[in-house]
PDB file of N, CA and C in Angstrom:
ATOM      1  N   MET A   1     -76.523 -66.843 -33.375  1.00  0.00           N
ATOM      2  CA  MET A   1     -77.821 -66.862 -34.001  1.00  0.00           C
ATOM      3  C   MET A   1     -77.943 -66.590 -35.331  1.00  0.00           C
ATOM      4  N   SER A   2     -78.479 -67.142 -36.120  1.00  0.00           N
ATOM      5  CA  SER A   2     -78.625 -67.054 -37.521  1.00  0.00           C
ATOM      6  C   SER A   2     -79.475 -66.009 -37.828  1.00  0.00           C
ATOM      7  N   GLU A   3     -79.213 -65.304 -39.193  1.00  0.00           N
ATOM      8  CA  GLU A   3     -80.270 -64.201 -39.420  1.00  0.00           C
ATOM      9  C   GLU A   3     -81.741 -64.789 -39.670  1.00  0.00           C
ATOM     10  N   THR A   4     -82.030 -65.907 -40.134  1.00  0.00           N
ATOM     11  CA  THR A   4     -83.339 -66.447 -40.106  1.00  0.00           C
ATOM     12  C   THR A   4     -83.973 -66.543 -38.747  1.00  0.00           C
ATOM     13  N   ASP A   5     -83.092 -67.143 -37.717  1.00  0.00           N
ATOM     14  CA  ASP A   5     -83.686 -67.250 -36.235  1.00  0.00           C
ATOM     15  C   ASP A   5     -83.966 -65.808 -36.033  1.00  0.00           C
ATOM     16  N   LEU A   6     -83.095 -64.920 -36.192  1.00  0.00           N
ATOM     17  CA  LEU A   6     -83.200 -63.495 -35.668  1.00  0.00           C
ATOM     18  C   LEU A   6     -84.550 -62.988 -36.270  1.00  0.00           C
ATOM     19  N   LEU A   7     -84.661 -62.976 -37.503  1.00  0.00           N
ATOM     20  CA  LEU A   7     -85.669 -62.639 -38.383  1.00  0.00           C
ATOM     21  C   LEU A   7     -87.108 -63.040 -37.637  1.00  0.00           C
ATOM     22  N   ASN A   8     -86.955 -64.440 -37.490  1.00  0.00           N
ATOM     23  CA  ASN A   8     -88.374 -64.969 -36.972  1.00  0.00           C
ATOM     24  C   ASN A   8     -88.693 -64.464 -35.445  1.00  0.00           C
ATOM     25  N   ALA A   9     -87.763 -64.318 -34.703  1.00  0.00           N
ATOM     26  CA  ALA A   9     -87.825 -63.957 -33.370  1.00  0.00           C
ATOM     27  C   ALA A   9     -88.151 -62.343 -33.309  1.00  0.00           C
ATOM     28  N   VAL A  10     -87.827 -61.456 -34.253  1.00  0.00           N
ATOM     29  CA  VAL A  10     -88.063 -60.076 -34.374  1.00  0.00           C
ATOM     30  C   VAL A  10     -89.649 -59.991 -34.925  1.00  0.00           C
ATOM     31  N   MET A  11     -89.949 -60.800 -35.895  1.00  0.00           N
ATOM     32  CA  MET A  11     -91.257 -60.811 -36.365  1.00  0.00           C
ATOM     33  C   MET A  11     -92.338 -61.096 -35.277  1.00  0.00           C
ATOM     34  N   ASP A  12     -91.968 -62.258 -34.581  1.00  0.00           N
ATOM     35  CA  ASP A  12     -92.934 -62.868 -33.508  1.00  0.00           C
ATOM     36  C   ASP A  12     -93.051 -61.761 -32.492  1.00  0.00           C
ATOM     37  N   LEU A  13     -91.935 -61.158 -32.052  1.00  0.00           N
ATOM     38  CA  LEU A  13     -92.123 -60.023 -31.031  1.00  0.00           C
ATOM     39  C   LEU A  13     -92.768 -58.745 -31.371  1.00  0.00           C
ATOM     40  N   ALA A  14     -92.651 -58.461 -32.733  1.00  0.00           N
ATOM     41  CA  ALA A  14     -93.244 -57.133 -33.097  1.00  0.00           C
ATOM     42  C   ALA A  14     -94.793 -57.501 -33.308  1.00  0.00           C
ATOM     43  N   GLU A  15     -95.221 -58.665 -33.556  1.00  0.00           N
ATOM     44  CA  GLU A  15     -96.503 -59.045 -33.717  1.00  0.00           C
ATOM     45  C   GLU A  15     -97.284 -58.803 -32.372  1.00  0.00           C
ATOM     46  N   LEU A  16     -96.432 -59.245 -31.198  1.00  0.00           N
ATOM     47  CA  LEU A  16     -96.978 -59.229 -29.922  1.00  0.00           C
ATOM     48  C   LEU A  16     -97.194 -57.865 -29.478  1.00  0.00           C
ATOM     49  N   TRP A  17     -96.261 -56.801 -29.963  1.00  0.00           N
ATOM     50  CA  TRP A  17     -96.474 -55.550 -29.533  1.00  0.00           C
ATOM     51  C   TRP A  17     -97.362 -54.613 -30.523  1.00  0.00           C
ATOM     52  N   GLY A  18     -97.808 -55.319 -31.370  1.00  0.00           N
ATOM     53  CA  GLY A  18     -98.950 -54.675 -32.287  1.00  0.00           C
ATOM     54  C   GLY A  18     -98.311 -53.942 -33.403  1.00  0.00           C
ATOM     55  N   TRP A  19     -97.145 -54.093 -33.728  1.00  0.00           N
ATOM     56  CA  TRP A  19     -96.626 -53.683 -35.009  1.00  0.00           C
ATOM     57  C   TRP A  19     -97.169 -54.270 -36.403  1.00  0.00           C
ATOM     58  N   ARG A  20     -97.460 -53.585 -37.445  1.00  0.00           N
ATOM     59  CA  ARG A  20     -97.666 -54.172 -38.601  1.00  0.00           C
ATOM     60  C   ARG A  20     -96.209 -54.272 -39.295  1.00  0.00           C
ATOM     61  N   ARG A  21     -95.963 -55.333 -39.899  1.00  0.00           N
ATOM     62  CA  ARG A  21     -94.623 -55.509 -40.425  1.00  0.00           C
ATOM     63  C   ARG A  21     -94.617 -56.358 -41.535  1.00  0.00           C
ATOM     64  N   ILE A  22     -93.501 -56.140 -42.418  1.00  0.00           N
ATOM     65  CA  ILE A  22     -93.472 -56.820 -43.712  1.00  0.00           C
ATOM     66  C   ILE A  22     -92.099 -57.212 -43.959  1.00  0.00           C
ATOM     67  N   HIS A  23     -91.859 -58.389 -44.427  1.00  0.00           N
ATOM     68  CA  HIS A  23     -90.617 -58.921 -44.745  1.00  0.00           C
ATOM     69  C   HIS A  23     -90.775 -59.501 -46.212  1.00  0.00           C
ATOM     70  N   LEU A  24     -89.945 -59.051 -47.134  1.00  0.00           N
ATOM     71  CA  LEU A  24     -90.060 -59.614 -48.663  1.00  0.00           C
ATOM     72  C   LEU A  24     -89.149 -60.648 -48.718  1.00  0.00           C
ATOM     73  N   ARG A  25     -89.620 -62.008 -48.730  1.00  0.00           N
ATOM     74  CA  ARG A  25     -89.029 -63.041 -48.831  1.00  0.00           C
ATOM     75  C   ARG A  25     -88.478 -63.625 -50.165  1.00  0.00           C
ATOM     76  N   PRO A  26     -87.204 -63.652 -50.403  1.00  0.00           N
ATOM     77  CA  PRO A  26     -86.653 -64.087 -51.666  1.00  0.00           C
ATOM     78  C   PRO A  26     -87.055 -65.624 -51.935  1.00  0.00           C
ATOM     79  N   ALA A  27     -87.039 -65.956 -53.265  1.00  0.00           N
ATOM     80  CA  ALA A  27     -87.363 -67.306 -53.720  1.00  0.00           C
ATOM     81  C   ALA A  27     -86.106 -67.871 -54.401  1.00  0.00           C
ATOM     82  N   LEU A  28     -85.884 -69.026 -54.363  1.00  0.00           N
ATOM     83  CA  LEU A  28     -84.803 -69.632 -55.031  1.00  0.00           C
ATOM     84  C   LEU A  28     -85.216 -69.996 -56.649  1.00  0.00           C
ATOM     85  N   THR A  29     -84.696 -69.535 -57.489  1.00  0.00           N
ATOM     86  CA  THR A  29     -84.791 -69.629 -58.915  1.00  0.00           C
ATOM     87  C   THR A  29     -83.516 -70.389 -59.608  1.00  0.00           C
ATOM     88  N   LYS A  30     -83.695 -70.818 -60.813  1.00  0.00           N
ATOM     89  CA  LYS A  30     -82.592 -71.351 -61.550  1.00  0.00           C
ATOM     90  C   LYS A  30     -81.274 -70.316 -61.636  1.00  0.00           C
ATOM     91  N   HIS A  31     -81.516 -69.106 -61.229  1.00  0.00           N
ATOM     92  CA  HIS A  31     -80.406 -68.140 -61.256  1.00  0.00           C
ATOM     93  C   HIS A  31     -80.119 -67.742 -59.851  1.00  0.00           C
ATOM     94  N   GLY A  32     -80.576 -68.449 -58.827  1.00  0.00           N
ATOM     95  CA  GLY A  32     -80.155 -67.993 -57.508  1.00  0.00           C
ATOM     96  C   GLY A  32     -81.298 -67.434 -56.819  1.00  0.00           C
ATOM     97  N   TYR A  33     -81.127 -66.865 -55.654  1.00  0.00           N
ATOM     98  CA  TYR A  33     -82.163 -66.297 -54.886  1.00  0.00           C
ATOM     99  C   TYR A  33     -82.579 -64.866 -55.579  1.00  0.00           C
ATOM    100  N   ARG A  34     -83.853 -64.763 -55.776  1.00  0.00           N
ATOM    101  CA  ARG A  34     -84.440 -63.596 -56.266  1.00  0.00           C
ATOM    102  C   ARG A  34     -85.567 -63.111 -55.534  1.00  0.00           C
ATOM    103  N   THR A  35     -85.753 -61.612 -55.355  1.00  0.00           N
ATOM    104  CA  THR A  35     -86.866 -61.209 -54.711  1.00  0.00           C
ATOM    105  C   THR A  35     -87.601 -60.575 -55.729  1.00  0.00           C
ATOM    106  N   SER A  36     -89.015 -60.788 -56.060  1.00  0.00           N
ATOM    107  CA  SER A  36     -89.877 -60.117 -57.041  1.00  0.00           C
ATOM    108  C   SER A  36     -90.203 -58.625 -56.564  1.00  0.00           C
ATOM    109  N   VAL A  37     -89.465 -57.684 -57.087  1.00  0.00           N
ATOM    110  CA  VAL A  37     -89.935 -56.355 -57.002  1.00  0.00           C
ATOM    111  C   VAL A  37     -89.753 -55.527 -58.294  1.00  0.00           C
ATOM    112  N   GLN A  38     -90.556 -54.530 -58.303  1.00  0.00           N
ATOM    113  CA  GLN A  38     -90.320 -53.626 -59.568  1.00  0.00           C
ATOM    114  C   GLN A  38     -89.854 -52.316 -58.941  1.00  0.00           C
ATOM    115  N   GLY A  39     -88.837 -51.700 -59.583  1.00  0.00           N
ATOM    116  CA  GLY A  39     -88.164 -50.533 -59.116  1.00  0.00           C
ATOM    117  C   GLY A  39     -86.869 -50.875 -58.401  1.00  0.00           C
ATOM    118  N   ASP A  40     -86.359 -50.054 -57.481  1.00  0.00           N
ATOM    119  CA  ASP A  40     -85.164 -50.188 -56.947  1.00  0.00           C
ATOM    120  C   ASP A  40     -84.986 -51.230 -55.813  1.00  0.00           C
ATOM    121  N   GLY A  41     -85.250 -52.341 -55.894  1.00  0.00           N
ATOM    122  CA  GLY A  41     -85.403 -53.488 -54.706  1.00  0.00           C
ATOM    123  C   GLY A  41     -84.246 -53.733 -54.198  1.00  0.00           C
ATOM    124  N   ALA A  42     -83.150 -53.710 -54.871  1.00  0.00           N
ATOM    125  CA  ALA A  42     -81.783 -54.376 -54.249  1.00  0.00           C
ATOM    126  C   ALA A  42     -81.406 -53.512 -53.127  1.00  0.00           C
ATOM    127  N   GLY A  43     -81.131 -54.331 -51.919  1.00  0.00           N
ATOM    128  CA  GLY A  43     -80.763 -53.670 -50.854  1.00  0.00           C
ATOM    129  C   GLY A  43     -81.886 -53.207 -49.833  1.00  0.00           C
ATOM    130  N   PHE A  44     -83.090 -53.395 -50.329  1.00  0.00           N
ATOM    131  CA  PHE A  44     -84.273 -53.009 -49.361  1.00  0.00           C
ATOM    132  C   PHE A  44     -84.091 -53.524 -48.095  1.00  0.00           C
ATOM    133  N   PRO A  45     -84.450 -52.780 -46.994  1.00  0.00           N
ATOM    134  CA  PRO A  45     -84.238 -53.386 -45.722  1.00  0.00           C
ATOM    135  C   PRO A  45     -85.108 -54.604 -45.353  1.00  0.00           C
ATOM    136  N   ASP A  46     -84.566 -55.477 -44.435  1.00  0.00           N
ATOM    137  CA  ASP A  46     -85.360 -56.738 -44.207  1.00  0.00           C
ATOM    138  C   ASP A  46     -86.748 -56.508 -43.686  1.00  0.00           C
ATOM    139  N   ILE A  47     -87.115 -55.575 -42.796  1.00  0.00           N
ATOM    140  CA  ILE A  47     -88.372 -55.439 -42.287  1.00  0.00           C
ATOM    141  C   ILE A  47     -88.772 -53.987 -42.217  1.00  0.00           C
ATOM    142  N   LEU A  48     -89.873 -53.793 -42.622  1.00  0.00           N
ATOM    143  CA  LEU A  48     -90.648 -52.518 -42.401  1.00  0.00           C
ATOM    144  C   LEU A  48     -91.729 -52.580 -41.405  1.00  0.00           C
ATOM    145  N   PHE A  49     -91.734 -51.744 -40.312  1.00  0.00           N
ATOM    146  CA  PHE A  49     -92.564 -51.764 -39.348  1.00  0.00           C
ATOM    147  C   PHE A  49     -93.576 -50.452 -39.259  1.00  0.00           C
ATOM    148  N   LEU A  50     -94.855 -50.597 -39.019  1.00  0.00           N
ATOM    149  CA  LEU A  50     -95.721 -49.476 -38.791  1.00  0.00           C
ATOM    150  C   LEU A  50     -96.621 -49.657 -37.592  1.00  0.00           C
ATOM    151  N   ARG A  51     -96.853 -48.650 -36.856  1.00  0.00           N
ATOM    152  CA  ARG A  51     -97.776 -48.626 -35.805  1.00  0.00           C
ATOM    153  C   ARG A  51     -98.154 -47.313 -35.612  1.00  0.00           C
ATOM    154  N   ARG A  52     -99.576 -47.019 -35.631  1.00  0.00           N
ATOM    155  CA  ARG A  52    -100.105 -45.618 -35.457  1.00  0.00           C
ATOM    156  C   ARG A  52     -99.314 -44.708 -36.177  1.00  0.00           C
ATOM    157  N   ASN A  53     -98.784 -43.802 -35.637  1.00  0.00           N
ATOM    158  CA  ASN A  53     -97.988 -42.797 -36.398  1.00  0.00           C
ATOM    159  C   ASN A  53     -96.388 -42.869 -36.284  1.00  0.00           C
ATOM    160  N   SER A  54     -95.955 -44.124 -36.073  1.00  0.00           N
ATOM    161  CA  SER A  54     -94.548 -44.461 -35.946  1.00  0.00           C
ATOM    162  C   SER A  54     -94.178 -45.543 -37.107  1.00  0.00           C
ATOM    163  N   GLN A  55     -92.891 -45.359 -37.710  1.00  0.00           N
ATOM    164  CA  GLN A  55     -92.588 -46.335 -38.607  1.00  0.00           C
ATOM    165  C   GLN A  55     -91.019 -46.457 -38.547  1.00  0.00           C
ATOM    166  N   PHE A  56     -90.501 -47.546 -38.977  1.00  0.00           N
ATOM    167  CA  PHE A  56     -88.919 -47.617 -38.931  1.00  0.00           C
ATOM    168  C   PHE A  56     -88.610 -48.903 -39.851  1.00  0.00           C
ATOM    169  N   VAL A  57     -87.438 -49.052 -40.225  1.00  0.00           N
ATOM    170  CA  VAL A  57     -86.909 -50.127 -40.983  1.00  0.00           C
ATOM    171  C   VAL A  57     -85.656 -50.669 -40.247  1.00  0.00           C
ATOM    172  N   VAL A  58     -85.577 -52.120 -40.564  1.00  0.00           N
ATOM    173  CA  VAL A  58     -84.501 -52.775 -40.073  1.00  0.00           C
ATOM    174  C   VAL A  58     -83.600 -53.693 -40.998  1.00  0.00           C
ATOM    175  N   GLU A  59     -82.500 -53.612 -40.944  1.00  0.00           N
ATOM    176  CA  GLU A  59     -81.525 -54.450 -41.787  1.00  0.00           C
ATOM    177  C   GLU A  59     -80.989 -55.476 -40.595  1.00  0.00           C
ATOM    178  N   LEU A  60     -81.510 -56.713 -40.764  1.00  0.00           N
ATOM    179  CA  LEU A  60     -80.863 -57.804 -39.740  1.00  0.00           C
ATOM    180  C   LEU A  60     -79.612 -58.283 -40.261  1.00  0.00           C
ATOM    181  N   LYS A  61     -78.790 -58.516 -39.315  1.00  0.00           N
ATOM    182  CA  LYS A  61     -77.474 -59.015 -39.609  1.00  0.00           C
ATOM    183  C   LYS A  61     -76.937 -59.956 -38.396  1.00  0.00           C
ATOM    184  N   SER A  62     -76.596 -61.097 -38.799  1.00  0.00           N
ATOM    185  CA  SER A  62     -75.931 -61.957 -37.812  1.00  0.00           C
ATOM    186  C   SER A  62     -74.590 -61.270 -37.198  1.00  0.00           C
ATOM    187  N   ALA A  63     -73.831 -61.943 -36.371  1.00  0.00           N
ATOM    188  CA  ALA A  63     -72.564 -61.425 -35.836  1.00  0.00           C
ATOM    189  C   ALA A  63     -71.619 -61.168 -36.861  1.00  0.00           C
ATOM    190  N   LYS A  64     -71.632 -62.196 -37.850  1.00  0.00           N
ATOM    191  CA  LYS A  64     -70.645 -62.097 -38.994  1.00  0.00           C
ATOM    192  C   LYS A  64     -71.096 -61.272 -40.331  1.00  0.00           C
ATOM    193  N   GLY A  65     -72.430 -60.892 -40.101  1.00  0.00           N
ATOM    194  CA  GLY A  65     -73.052 -60.231 -41.426  1.00  0.00           C
ATOM    195  C   GLY A  65     -72.456 -58.815 -41.752  1.00  0.00           C
ATOM    196  N   VAL A  66     -72.470 -58.368 -43.013  1.00  0.00           N
ATOM    197  CA  VAL A  66     -71.903 -57.026 -43.361  1.00  0.00           C
ATOM    198  C   VAL A  66     -72.975 -56.315 -44.279  1.00  0.00           C
ATOM    199  N   VAL A  67     -73.287 -55.004 -43.845  1.00  0.00           N
ATOM    200  CA  VAL A  67     -74.146 -54.455 -44.762  1.00  0.00           C
ATOM    201  C   VAL A  67     -73.547 -53.968 -46.057  1.00  0.00           C
ATOM    202  N   THR A  68     -74.341 -54.303 -47.158  1.00  0.00           N
ATOM    203  CA  THR A  68     -73.877 -54.048 -48.609  1.00  0.00           C
ATOM    204  C   THR A  68     -73.989 -52.509 -48.848  1.00  0.00           C
ATOM    205  N   VAL A  69     -73.313 -52.131 -49.983  1.00  0.00           N
ATOM    206  CA  VAL A  69     -73.536 -50.801 -50.556  1.00  0.00           C
ATOM    207  C   VAL A  69     -74.970 -50.528 -50.721  1.00  0.00           C
ATOM    208  N   GLU A  70     -75.644 -51.440 -51.348  1.00  0.00           N
ATOM    209  CA  GLU A  70     -77.239 -51.238 -51.771  1.00  0.00           C
ATOM    210  C   GLU A  70     -77.895 -51.179 -50.495  1.00  0.00           C
ATOM    211  N   GLN A  71     -77.734 -51.974 -49.421  1.00  0.00           N
ATOM    212  CA  GLN A  71     -78.418 -51.847 -48.156  1.00  0.00           C
ATOM    213  C   GLN A  71     -78.291 -50.528 -47.661  1.00  0.00           C
ATOM    214  N   GLU A  72     -76.939 -49.950 -47.416  1.00  0.00           N
ATOM    215  CA  GLU A  72     -76.569 -48.837 -46.774  1.00  0.00           C
ATOM    216  C   GLU A  72     -77.318 -47.638 -47.520  1.00  0.00           C
ATOM    217  N   ALA A  73     -77.378 -47.684 -48.914  1.00  0.00           N
ATOM    218  CA  ALA A  73     -78.034 -46.796 -49.626  1.00  0.00           C
ATOM    219  C   ALA A  73     -79.661 -46.476 -49.253  1.00  0.00           C
ATOM    220  N   TRP A  74     -80.236 -47.712 -49.139  1.00  0.00           N
ATOM    221  CA  TRP A  74     -81.564 -47.685 -48.615  1.00  0.00           C
ATOM    222  C   TRP A  74     -81.801 -47.028 -47.348  1.00  0.00           C
ATOM    223  N   LEU A  75     -80.903 -47.594 -46.304  1.00  0.00           N
ATOM    224  CA  LEU A  75     -80.814 -47.010 -44.886  1.00  0.00           C
ATOM    225  C   LEU A  75     -80.808 -45.400 -45.005  1.00  0.00           C
ATOM    226  N   ASP A  76     -79.820 -45.165 -45.704  1.00  0.00           N
ATOM    227  CA  ASP A  76     -79.517 -43.482 -45.751  1.00  0.00           C
ATOM    228  C   ASP A  76     -80.620 -42.919 -46.473  1.00  0.00           C
ATOM    229  N   ALA A  77     -81.511 -43.517 -47.382  1.00  0.00           N
ATOM    230  CA  ALA A  77     -82.620 -42.871 -48.153  1.00  0.00           C
ATOM    231  C   ALA A  77     -83.715 -42.872 -47.090  1.00  0.00           C
ATOM    232  N   PHE A  78     -83.995 -43.916 -46.215  1.00  0.00           N
ATOM    233  CA  PHE A  78     -84.983 -43.783 -45.273  1.00  0.00           C
ATOM    234  C   PHE A  78     -84.699 -42.727 -44.181  1.00  0.00           C
ATOM    235  N   ARG A  79     -83.410 -42.654 -43.777  1.00  0.00           N
ATOM    236  CA  ARG A  79     -83.135 -41.728 -42.777  1.00  0.00           C
ATOM    237  C   ARG A  79     -83.308 -40.138 -43.236  1.00  0.00           C
ATOM    238  N   ALA A  80     -82.977 -39.948 -44.601  1.00  0.00           N
ATOM    239  CA  ALA A  80     -83.052 -38.669 -45.177  1.00  0.00           C
ATOM    240  C   ALA A  80     -84.625 -38.296 -45.243  1.00  0.00           C
ATOM    241  N   ALA A  81     -85.453 -39.216 -45.568  1.00  0.00           N
ATOM    242  CA  ALA A  81     -86.975 -39.052 -45.483  1.00  0.00           C
ATOM    243  C   ALA A  81     -87.500 -38.945 -44.192  1.00  0.00           C
ATOM    244  N   GLY A  82     -86.677 -39.297 -43.086  1.00  0.00           N
ATOM    245  CA  GLY A  82     -87.196 -38.890 -41.738  1.00  0.00           C
ATOM    246  C   GLY A  82     -87.663 -40.129 -41.178  1.00  0.00           C
ATOM    247  N   VAL A  83     -87.233 -41.260 -41.611  1.00  0.00           N
ATOM    248  CA  VAL A  83     -87.722 -42.617 -41.129  1.00  0.00           C
ATOM    249  C   VAL A  83     -86.516 -43.245 -40.472  1.00  0.00           C
ATOM    250  N   ASP A  84     -86.767 -43.731 -39.087  1.00  0.00           N
ATOM    251  CA  ASP A  84     -85.639 -44.376 -38.367  1.00  0.00           C
ATOM    252  C   ASP A  84     -85.256 -45.514 -39.234  1.00  0.00           C
ATOM    253  N   ALA A  85     -83.990 -45.780 -39.313  1.00  0.00           N
ATOM    254  CA  ALA A  85     -83.396 -47.073 -40.036  1.00  0.00           C
ATOM    255  C   ALA A  85     -82.169 -47.579 -39.093  1.00  0.00           C
ATOM    256  N   PHE A  86     -82.419 -48.870 -38.877  1.00  0.00           N
ATOM    257  CA  PHE A  86     -81.358 -49.695 -37.966  1.00  0.00           C
ATOM    258  C   PHE A  86     -80.855 -50.654 -38.583  1.00  0.00           C
ATOM    259  N   VAL A  87     -79.625 -51.231 -38.139  1.00  0.00           N
ATOM    260  CA  VAL A  87     -79.089 -52.421 -38.399  1.00  0.00           C
ATOM    261  C   VAL A  87     -78.974 -53.393 -37.209  1.00  0.00           C
TER     262      VAL A  87
END
């Protein structure tokens, strides 16, 4: 399963279960794919989920995917702040 297919399935399932969720989609520019953010955006997890008093973040990876140093830093920062973070 590709990461795109996984992302779509997870987003649909989360909607069915009543989670608010956000995925910041990169856009193709003349310099390659870029995600428009201000601040420390590199490596931000794929999806942030919120429902009532619960929140967590997920970095989606295909079977061949590898977590980058920047992604691991964000996951560690969320965990340190008390937010569950998963790959």
